[in-house]
Amino acid sequence: MSKPLAKRNVLFVCSRNQWRSPTAEQIFRRHPDLNARSGGTSPKAKHAVNENDMAWADVVMVMEPKHKQRLMADFSEALRDKPLHVLDIPDEYQYMDPELVEMLEQSVPALLGLE
């Protein structure tokens, strides 16, 4: 009998950790193969991404290219060997917006090889 695969830690990042990344965390925290967390790149974020988040994450998913640039500037060493995906989801959705949920459910599983 083979040992179950360890869960992957996925960090979702947006600007202020208010709507997009918390929505992604909420959706994917229930997935049996994943642990999900969220954070923001802004100092005013509800939870600002830090070194501990980067060390914890196996995969990082950002909403926009500017988030990738910010993380690469602040955490380039921690991100060296980690997949970092840009989801291209603009800041025009509220928390758990049905359209946002659908976009996340369509893009994230494919990027993580969960389909």
N, C-alpha and C. Protein backbone atom coordinates (compact mmCIF):
# COMPACT_ATOMS: atom_id res chain seq x y z
N MET A 1 0.85 -1.18 0.00
CA MET A 1 0.00 0.00 0.00
C MET A 1 0.89 1.24 0.00
N SER A 2 0.65 2.15 -0.95
CA SER A 2 1.52 3.32 -1.05
C SER A 2 1.10 4.40 -0.06
N LYS A 3 2.08 5.16 0.33
CA LYS A 3 1.86 6.25 1.27
C LYS A 3 1.14 7.39 0.55
N PRO A 4 0.15 8.04 1.17
CA PRO A 4 -0.53 9.15 0.49
C PRO A 4 0.43 10.30 0.24
N LEU A 5 0.21 10.98 -0.86
CA LEU A 5 1.05 12.13 -1.19
C LEU A 5 0.78 13.25 -0.19
N ALA A 6 1.83 13.98 0.13
CA ALA A 6 1.67 15.11 1.04
C ALA A 6 0.85 16.20 0.35
N LYS A 7 0.10 16.92 1.13
CA LYS A 7 -0.65 18.03 0.57
C LYS A 7 0.32 19.12 0.11
N ARG A 8 -0.06 19.80 -0.97
CA ARG A 8 0.74 20.93 -1.45
C ARG A 8 0.23 22.21 -0.80
N ASN A 9 1.15 23.08 -0.44
CA ASN A 9 0.81 24.37 0.16
C ASN A 9 0.77 25.42 -0.94
N VAL A 10 -0.42 26.00 -1.13
CA VAL A 10 -0.61 26.99 -2.19
C VAL A 10 -0.91 28.34 -1.55
N LEU A 11 -0.11 29.33 -1.93
CA LEU A 11 -0.29 30.70 -1.43
C LEU A 11 -0.89 31.55 -2.54
N PHE A 12 -2.04 32.16 -2.26
CA PHE A 12 -2.71 33.05 -3.20
C PHE A 12 -2.44 34.49 -2.78
N VAL A 13 -2.07 35.33 -3.76
CA VAL A 13 -1.65 36.69 -3.44
C VAL A 13 -2.37 37.70 -4.33
N CYS A 14 -2.89 38.76 -3.70
CA CYS A 14 -3.40 39.92 -4.42
C CYS A 14 -2.81 41.16 -3.75
N SER A 15 -3.45 42.29 -3.88
CA SER A 15 -2.88 43.52 -3.32
C SER A 15 -3.15 43.68 -1.82
N ARG A 16 -4.43 43.74 -1.46
CA ARG A 16 -4.77 44.05 -0.08
C ARG A 16 -5.34 42.86 0.70
N ASN A 17 -5.34 41.69 0.08
CA ASN A 17 -5.82 40.48 0.75
C ASN A 17 -7.24 40.67 1.28
N GLN A 18 -8.08 41.31 0.45
CA GLN A 18 -9.45 41.59 0.85
C GLN A 18 -10.45 40.73 0.11
N TRP A 19 -10.30 40.62 -1.21
CA TRP A 19 -11.33 39.98 -2.01
C TRP A 19 -10.82 38.80 -2.83
N ARG A 20 -9.86 39.03 -3.71
CA ARG A 20 -9.46 37.97 -4.63
C ARG A 20 -8.72 36.83 -3.95
N SER A 21 -7.64 37.12 -3.26
CA SER A 21 -6.88 36.01 -2.66
C SER A 21 -7.64 35.31 -1.52
N PRO A 22 -8.40 36.03 -0.68
CA PRO A 22 -9.19 35.30 0.32
C PRO A 22 -10.27 34.41 -0.32
N THR A 23 -10.81 34.85 -1.46
CA THR A 23 -11.78 34.01 -2.17
C THR A 23 -11.11 32.73 -2.63
N ALA A 24 -9.92 32.85 -3.23
CA ALA A 24 -9.18 31.67 -3.68
C ALA A 24 -8.85 30.75 -2.51
N GLU A 25 -8.42 31.34 -1.41
CA GLU A 25 -8.11 30.53 -0.22
C GLU A 25 -9.35 29.78 0.25
N GLN A 26 -10.48 30.45 0.30
CA GLN A 26 -11.72 29.84 0.76
C GLN A 26 -12.12 28.68 -0.15
N ILE A 27 -12.00 28.85 -1.45
CA ILE A 27 -12.39 27.80 -2.40
C ILE A 27 -11.49 26.58 -2.28
N PHE A 28 -10.17 26.81 -2.23
CA PHE A 28 -9.23 25.69 -2.33
C PHE A 28 -8.78 25.13 -0.99
N ARG A 29 -9.14 25.75 0.11
CA ARG A 29 -8.77 25.18 1.42
C ARG A 29 -9.52 23.89 1.68
N ARG A 30 -10.63 23.67 0.98
CA ARG A 30 -11.41 22.44 1.16
C ARG A 30 -10.92 21.30 0.27
N HIS A 31 -9.98 21.58 -0.63
CA HIS A 31 -9.50 20.54 -1.54
C HIS A 31 -8.66 19.54 -0.76
N PRO A 32 -8.89 18.23 -0.94
CA PRO A 32 -8.18 17.24 -0.13
C PRO A 32 -6.67 17.18 -0.37
N ASP A 33 -6.19 17.69 -1.51
CA ASP A 33 -4.75 17.63 -1.81
C ASP A 33 -4.01 18.93 -1.55
N LEU A 34 -4.72 19.93 -1.01
CA LEU A 34 -4.10 21.25 -0.86
C LEU A 34 -4.27 21.83 0.53
N ASN A 35 -3.29 22.63 0.91
CA ASN A 35 -3.42 23.57 2.02
C ASN A 35 -3.38 24.94 1.35
N ALA A 36 -4.28 25.82 1.70
CA ALA A 36 -4.34 27.14 1.06
C ALA A 36 -4.21 28.25 2.08
N ARG A 37 -3.52 29.30 1.66
CA ARG A 37 -3.33 30.51 2.45
C ARG A 37 -3.42 31.69 1.50
N SER A 38 -3.65 32.88 2.05
CA SER A 38 -3.66 34.05 1.19
C SER A 38 -2.95 35.21 1.87
N GLY A 39 -2.53 36.16 1.04
CA GLY A 39 -1.86 37.35 1.55
C GLY A 39 -1.88 38.43 0.50
N GLY A 40 -1.41 39.60 0.89
CA GLY A 40 -1.37 40.73 -0.02
C GLY A 40 0.01 41.34 -0.09
N THR A 41 0.25 42.07 -1.18
CA THR A 41 1.56 42.71 -1.37
C THR A 41 1.60 44.10 -0.75
N SER A 42 0.47 44.68 -0.45
CA SER A 42 0.41 46.03 0.12
C SER A 42 0.70 46.00 1.61
N PRO A 43 1.39 47.04 2.11
CA PRO A 43 1.57 47.14 3.57
C PRO A 43 0.22 47.27 4.29
N LYS A 44 -0.81 47.69 3.57
CA LYS A 44 -2.15 47.85 4.16
C LYS A 44 -2.99 46.58 4.03
N ALA A 45 -2.40 45.50 3.55
CA ALA A 45 -3.14 44.25 3.38
C ALA A 45 -3.61 43.72 4.72
N LYS A 46 -4.74 43.00 4.70
CA LYS A 46 -5.22 42.34 5.93
C LYS A 46 -4.13 41.42 6.48
N HIS A 47 -3.47 40.69 5.58
CA HIS A 47 -2.29 39.90 5.94
C HIS A 47 -1.25 40.15 4.86
N ALA A 48 -0.20 40.87 5.21
CA ALA A 48 0.87 41.15 4.25
C ALA A 48 1.77 39.92 4.13
N VAL A 49 2.02 39.52 2.88
CA VAL A 49 2.87 38.36 2.63
C VAL A 49 4.23 38.58 3.28
N ASN A 50 4.77 37.52 3.92
CA ASN A 50 6.07 37.64 4.59
C ASN A 50 6.95 36.42 4.30
N GLU A 51 8.13 36.41 4.86
CA GLU A 51 9.08 35.31 4.64
C GLU A 51 8.51 33.96 5.06
N ASN A 52 7.75 33.94 6.16
CA ASN A 52 7.16 32.68 6.62
C ASN A 52 6.19 32.11 5.59
N ASP A 53 5.41 32.99 4.97
CA ASP A 53 4.48 32.54 3.92
C ASP A 53 5.26 31.95 2.75
N MET A 54 6.34 32.60 2.38
CA MET A 54 7.14 32.13 1.24
C MET A 54 7.79 30.78 1.56
N ALA A 55 8.27 30.62 2.79
CA ALA A 55 8.88 29.35 3.18
C ALA A 55 7.84 28.24 3.21
N TRP A 56 6.62 28.56 3.63
CA TRP A 56 5.53 27.58 3.73
C TRP A 56 5.06 27.12 2.35
N ALA A 57 5.00 28.02 1.39
CA ALA A 57 4.37 27.75 0.10
C ALA A 57 5.20 26.82 -0.78
N ASP A 58 4.49 25.87 -1.41
CA ASP A 58 5.09 25.05 -2.47
C ASP A 58 4.85 25.70 -3.82
N VAL A 59 3.71 26.36 -3.94
CA VAL A 59 3.29 27.03 -5.17
C VAL A 59 2.71 28.39 -4.79
N VAL A 60 3.04 29.41 -5.58
CA VAL A 60 2.49 30.75 -5.35
C VAL A 60 1.66 31.14 -6.56
N MET A 61 0.46 31.65 -6.30
CA MET A 61 -0.43 32.12 -7.37
C MET A 61 -0.80 33.57 -7.09
N VAL A 62 -0.47 34.42 -8.05
CA VAL A 62 -0.77 35.85 -7.91
C VAL A 62 -1.87 36.23 -8.89
N MET A 63 -2.58 37.30 -8.57
CA MET A 63 -3.71 37.71 -9.40
C MET A 63 -3.28 38.52 -10.62
N GLU A 64 -2.21 39.33 -10.49
CA GLU A 64 -1.78 40.21 -11.57
C GLU A 64 -0.27 40.22 -11.69
N PRO A 65 0.25 40.60 -12.87
CA PRO A 65 1.71 40.67 -13.05
C PRO A 65 2.40 41.57 -12.03
N LYS A 66 1.74 42.65 -11.59
CA LYS A 66 2.38 43.55 -10.61
C LYS A 66 2.65 42.82 -9.28
N HIS A 67 1.81 41.84 -8.95
CA HIS A 67 2.03 41.08 -7.71
C HIS A 67 3.27 40.19 -7.85
N LYS A 68 3.44 39.60 -9.02
CA LYS A 68 4.63 38.79 -9.28
C LYS A 68 5.88 39.66 -9.17
N GLN A 69 5.83 40.84 -9.78
CA GLN A 69 6.99 41.75 -9.72
C GLN A 69 7.33 42.12 -8.29
N ARG A 70 6.31 42.41 -7.49
CA ARG A 70 6.53 42.79 -6.09
C ARG A 70 7.15 41.63 -5.30
N LEU A 71 6.61 40.43 -5.49
CA LEU A 71 7.15 39.26 -4.78
C LEU A 71 8.57 38.96 -5.23
N MET A 72 8.83 39.07 -6.53
CA MET A 72 10.19 38.81 -7.03
C MET A 72 11.17 39.82 -6.46
N ALA A 73 10.73 41.06 -6.28
CA ALA A 73 11.60 42.09 -5.71
C ALA A 73 11.86 41.83 -4.23
N ASP A 74 10.83 41.39 -3.51
CA ASP A 74 10.95 41.23 -2.05
C ASP A 74 11.42 39.85 -1.61
N PHE A 75 11.14 38.81 -2.40
CA PHE A 75 11.39 37.44 -1.97
C PHE A 75 12.06 36.60 -3.05
N SER A 76 12.96 37.19 -3.82
CA SER A 76 13.53 36.47 -4.97
C SER A 76 14.21 35.17 -4.56
N GLU A 77 14.93 35.17 -3.46
CA GLU A 77 15.63 33.96 -3.01
C GLU A 77 14.63 32.87 -2.63
N ALA A 78 13.59 33.23 -1.90
CA ALA A 78 12.60 32.25 -1.46
C ALA A 78 11.81 31.68 -2.63
N LEU A 79 11.69 32.44 -3.71
CA LEU A 79 10.91 32.01 -4.87
C LEU A 79 11.73 31.28 -5.92
N ARG A 80 13.03 31.20 -5.71
CA ARG A 80 13.93 30.66 -6.73
C ARG A 80 13.47 29.32 -7.32
N ASP A 81 13.06 28.39 -6.50
CA ASP A 81 12.70 27.06 -7.00
C ASP A 81 11.21 26.74 -6.87
N LYS A 82 10.38 27.79 -6.76
CA LYS A 82 8.95 27.56 -6.60
C LYS A 82 8.19 28.00 -7.85
N PRO A 83 7.19 27.23 -8.24
CA PRO A 83 6.32 27.70 -9.33
C PRO A 83 5.57 28.95 -8.88
N LEU A 84 5.52 29.94 -9.76
CA LEU A 84 4.78 31.17 -9.49
C LEU A 84 3.90 31.44 -10.72
N HIS A 85 2.59 31.40 -10.53
CA HIS A 85 1.65 31.55 -11.63
C HIS A 85 0.91 32.88 -11.52
N VAL A 86 0.76 33.57 -12.66
CA VAL A 86 -0.05 34.78 -12.72
C VAL A 86 -1.42 34.38 -13.28
N LEU A 87 -2.47 34.63 -12.50
CA LEU A 87 -3.82 34.23 -12.90
C LEU A 87 -4.52 35.26 -13.79
N ASP A 88 -3.97 36.47 -13.88
CA ASP A 88 -4.56 37.54 -14.69
C ASP A 88 -6.02 37.81 -14.34
N ILE A 89 -6.26 38.01 -13.05
CA ILE A 89 -7.61 38.35 -12.57
C ILE A 89 -7.57 39.78 -12.06
N PRO A 90 -8.24 40.70 -12.76
CA PRO A 90 -8.20 42.11 -12.37
C PRO A 90 -8.93 42.38 -11.06
N ASP A 91 -8.63 43.53 -10.47
CA ASP A 91 -9.20 43.91 -9.18
C ASP A 91 -10.58 44.54 -9.39
N GLU A 92 -11.53 43.70 -9.79
CA GLU A 92 -12.88 44.22 -10.02
C GLU A 92 -13.95 43.27 -9.47
N TYR A 93 -13.57 42.49 -8.48
CA TYR A 93 -14.49 41.51 -7.91
C TYR A 93 -14.53 41.65 -6.40
N GLN A 94 -15.71 41.39 -5.82
CA GLN A 94 -15.87 41.36 -4.38
C GLN A 94 -15.59 39.94 -3.89
N TYR A 95 -15.50 39.79 -2.58
CA TYR A 95 -15.26 38.48 -1.96
C TYR A 95 -16.36 37.51 -2.38
N MET A 96 -15.95 36.34 -2.87
CA MET A 96 -16.83 35.24 -3.29
C MET A 96 -17.78 35.62 -4.43
N ASP A 97 -17.43 36.63 -5.21
CA ASP A 97 -18.20 36.99 -6.40
C ASP A 97 -18.30 35.75 -7.29
N PRO A 98 -19.51 35.39 -7.75
CA PRO A 98 -19.66 34.16 -8.54
C PRO A 98 -18.76 34.12 -9.79
N GLU A 99 -18.57 35.25 -10.43
CA GLU A 99 -17.70 35.28 -11.61
C GLU A 99 -16.24 35.02 -11.22
N LEU A 100 -15.81 35.59 -10.10
CA LEU A 100 -14.46 35.36 -9.59
C LEU A 100 -14.28 33.88 -9.23
N VAL A 101 -15.25 33.31 -8.55
CA VAL A 101 -15.20 31.90 -8.16
C VAL A 101 -15.05 31.03 -9.40
N GLU A 102 -15.83 31.32 -10.43
CA GLU A 102 -15.78 30.54 -11.66
C GLU A 102 -14.40 30.65 -12.33
N MET A 103 -13.86 31.87 -12.38
CA MET A 103 -12.53 32.06 -12.98
C MET A 103 -11.47 31.24 -12.23
N LEU A 104 -11.53 31.26 -10.92
CA LEU A 104 -10.57 30.52 -10.10
C LEU A 104 -10.74 29.02 -10.29
N GLU A 105 -11.98 28.56 -10.30
CA GLU A 105 -12.23 27.13 -10.46
C GLU A 105 -11.84 26.62 -11.84
N GLN A 106 -11.81 27.51 -12.83
CA GLN A 106 -11.41 27.11 -14.18
C GLN A 106 -9.90 27.12 -14.36
N SER A 107 -9.19 28.05 -13.70
CA SER A 107 -7.76 28.19 -13.96
C SER A 107 -6.85 27.45 -12.98
N VAL A 108 -7.16 27.49 -11.71
CA VAL A 108 -6.24 26.96 -10.69
C VAL A 108 -6.03 25.44 -10.78
N PRO A 109 -7.10 24.62 -10.87
CA PRO A 109 -6.86 23.18 -10.93
C PRO A 109 -5.96 22.75 -12.09
N ALA A 110 -6.13 23.38 -13.26
CA ALA A 110 -5.29 23.04 -14.41
C ALA A 110 -3.82 23.38 -14.13
N LEU A 111 -3.57 24.53 -13.53
CA LEU A 111 -2.20 24.93 -13.21
C LEU A 111 -1.55 24.00 -12.18
N LEU A 112 -2.37 23.45 -11.31
CA LEU A 112 -1.85 22.56 -10.26
C LEU A 112 -1.90 21.08 -10.67
N GLY A 113 -2.40 20.81 -11.86
CA GLY A 113 -2.49 19.43 -12.31
C GLY A 113 -3.50 18.60 -11.53
N LEU A 114 -4.60 19.23 -11.13
CA LEU A 114 -5.61 18.55 -10.31
C LEU A 114 -6.76 18.00 -11.13
N GLU A 115 -6.75 18.23 -12.43
CA GLU A 115 -7.90 17.80 -13.26
C GLU A 115 -7.79 16.34 -13.63
